[in-house]
Amino acid sequence: MATKYSVRWCFEGKDSESIALLSDAVPHVSIVDFVDSLWGNCEDWQGSDTPSLRWIDCIDMDTGEIIALRTDWDEPDPDWGFNEDMGYDPYMGCYTDDC
């Protein structure tokens, strides 16, 4: 068995660092679950003086392929101006606020 995967994370204003090395025997679905679990639980262990977590990924060290990725830009911005009353009307070919 070879160590094939590297899980890394990066905090705001810091360089990324490797936090786990995984065997090539670990299934991809388990890797994705591991990365998601780290991401989902980061608020539990981050103190107020800790910089915010920007991303966590897992790469295949042989090919450079990203196996799993979670980023702070995955979360929708609540202030982006989405209007729930506006919808796309496929018959008119426009949004209801524009028709």
Protein backbone atom coordinates (compact mmCIF):
# COMPACT_ATOMS: atom_id res chain seq x y z
CA MET A 1 0.00 0.00 0.00
CA ALA A 2 1.22 3.43 -0.86
CA THR A 3 0.39 6.81 0.59
CA LYS A 4 -1.37 8.37 -2.37
CA TYR A 5 -3.65 11.12 -1.05
CA SER A 6 -2.87 14.30 0.85
CA VAL A 7 -5.51 16.26 2.75
CA ARG A 8 -4.63 19.95 3.06
CA TRP A 9 -6.21 23.05 4.50
CA CYS A 10 -5.63 26.77 4.33
CA PHE A 11 -6.54 29.50 6.78
CA GLU A 12 -7.04 33.13 5.81
CA GLY A 13 -3.68 34.89 5.49
CA LYS A 14 -1.65 31.69 5.84
CA ASP A 15 -0.06 29.12 3.55
CA SER A 16 -1.75 25.77 3.03
CA GLU A 17 -0.51 22.82 5.05
CA SER A 18 -0.88 19.08 4.76
CA ILE A 19 -2.86 17.63 7.68
CA ALA A 20 -3.35 13.98 6.69
CA LEU A 21 -1.87 11.39 4.36
CA LEU A 22 -4.16 8.60 3.19
CA SER A 23 -3.50 5.24 1.61
CA ASP A 24 -4.54 4.43 -1.94
CA ALA A 25 -6.82 1.78 -0.38
CA VAL A 26 -9.16 4.45 1.03
CA PRO A 27 -12.32 4.74 -1.13
CA HIS A 28 -13.02 8.15 -2.68
CA VAL A 29 -16.40 8.38 -0.97
CA SER A 30 -14.66 8.05 2.41
CA ILE A 31 -12.22 10.79 1.46
CA VAL A 32 -15.08 13.12 0.53
CA ASP A 33 -16.84 12.28 3.82
CA PHE A 34 -13.61 13.01 5.75
CA VAL A 35 -13.15 16.40 4.08
CA ASP A 36 -16.84 17.27 4.60
CA SER A 37 -16.60 16.25 8.26
CA LEU A 38 -13.54 18.44 8.83
CA TRP A 39 -15.29 21.35 7.14
CA GLY A 40 -18.54 20.87 9.01
CA ASN A 41 -16.87 20.68 12.40
CA CYS A 42 -14.31 23.46 11.97
CA GLU A 43 -16.46 25.96 13.88
CA ASP A 44 -16.43 23.69 16.95
CA TRP A 45 -12.66 23.91 17.42
CA GLN A 46 -11.86 27.32 15.93
CA GLY A 47 -11.44 30.01 18.53
CA SER A 48 -12.32 33.63 17.99
CA ASP A 49 -8.64 34.52 17.58
CA THR A 50 -8.10 31.83 14.90
CA PRO A 51 -8.17 33.03 11.27
CA SER A 52 -11.10 31.67 9.29
CA LEU A 53 -10.70 28.46 7.33
CA ARG A 54 -10.62 29.20 3.58
CA TRP A 55 -10.54 25.69 2.09
CA ILE A 56 -9.87 22.00 2.65
CA ASP A 57 -8.98 19.65 -0.18
CA CYS A 58 -7.61 16.20 -0.89
CA ILE A 59 -5.32 15.65 -3.83
CA ASP A 60 -3.95 12.58 -5.54
CA MET A 61 -0.21 13.09 -5.07
CA ASP A 62 0.59 11.03 -8.19
CA THR A 63 -1.58 12.98 -10.64
CA GLY A 64 -2.36 16.26 -8.82
CA GLU A 65 -6.09 15.59 -9.30
CA ILE A 66 -8.35 17.09 -6.65
CA ILE A 67 -10.41 14.29 -5.10
CA ALA A 68 -12.44 16.43 -2.68
CA LEU A 69 -12.73 20.17 -2.09
CA ARG A 70 -14.65 22.37 0.36
CA THR A 71 -14.23 26.12 0.29
CA ASP A 72 -15.72 29.12 2.02
CA TRP A 73 -16.99 30.27 -1.36
CA ASP A 74 -19.18 27.11 -1.54
CA GLU A 75 -21.61 28.78 0.83
CA PRO A 76 -24.07 31.20 -0.80
CA ASP A 77 -23.69 34.82 0.22
CA PRO A 78 -26.89 35.78 2.06
CA ASP A 79 -26.57 39.39 0.85
CA TRP A 80 -26.31 38.69 -2.88
CA GLY A 81 -29.79 40.13 -3.49
CA PHE A 82 -31.83 37.06 -4.35
CA ASN A 83 -35.52 37.88 -4.75
CA GLU A 84 -37.69 34.82 -4.03
CA ASP A 85 -40.69 36.46 -5.71
CA MET A 86 -38.81 36.68 -8.99
CA GLY A 87 -38.77 33.57 -11.18
CA TYR A 88 -37.82 32.67 -14.70
CA ASP A 89 -40.79 32.34 -17.05
CA PRO A 90 -39.77 29.96 -19.85
CA TYR A 91 -42.80 30.91 -21.96
CA MET A 92 -41.95 34.61 -21.93
CA GLY A 93 -38.19 33.99 -22.04
CA CYS A 94 -37.46 36.37 -19.18
CA TYR A 95 -37.68 36.75 -15.43
CA THR A 96 -41.10 37.79 -14.10
CA ASP A 97 -39.74 41.09 -12.78
CA ASP A 98 -38.37 41.90 -16.26
CA CYS A 99 -41.46 40.99 -18.34
